[in-house]
Amino acid sequence: MTTRIYRDSDLMTMRDFFNRWFDETRSLMDYNGGSRVARLPIDAYSTESEIVVTAPIPGARPEDVEITVEGDTLTIRGEVQPRKEDVKYIFAERFQGPFMRELQFNVPVKVDEIEATFENGLLRLTIPKAEEVRPRVIPVKAGST
């Protein structure tokens, strides 16, 4: 029989693993007033003039999605309709039920000009940045001295 001596670093690694696993699992589902609400996965990127957010919501319809902006917080919420109940499923892995995601803007945006499109199960938000945060190129003129 071999006796294994654990170093503190081994235990920290295991603890970190379980903490990370718990955080990732908890982040997939939040409990809002006792009900299960999925955390909507997103991709987001920024250009010079806008922020673009995309979110896959397979099984949802555009009318199932609500987007609100309050202050500097954007909220996407909705619900994926339940599966058929009168069939016996072989697999039932696709998410169904309510979802939500909140994002905070770190730059001023033009709230009145936000556009949302929904195509083939992909939500796309185009959020224009306010003029004052866009980079400006200042031309250098030759002067006479």
Foldseek 3Di string as FASTA:
>chain_A
DDDDDDDPVVVVVVVVVVVVVVVVVCQQWDQDPNDTAGEFDWDWDDDLWWIKIKTFAPQDDPVQWDWDDDDQKIKIKGWRDDDDDPDDDPDDDDDGTIYMYMDGDPAAWDVVPWDWDADPRMIMIIITGDPVRRDDDDDDDDDDD
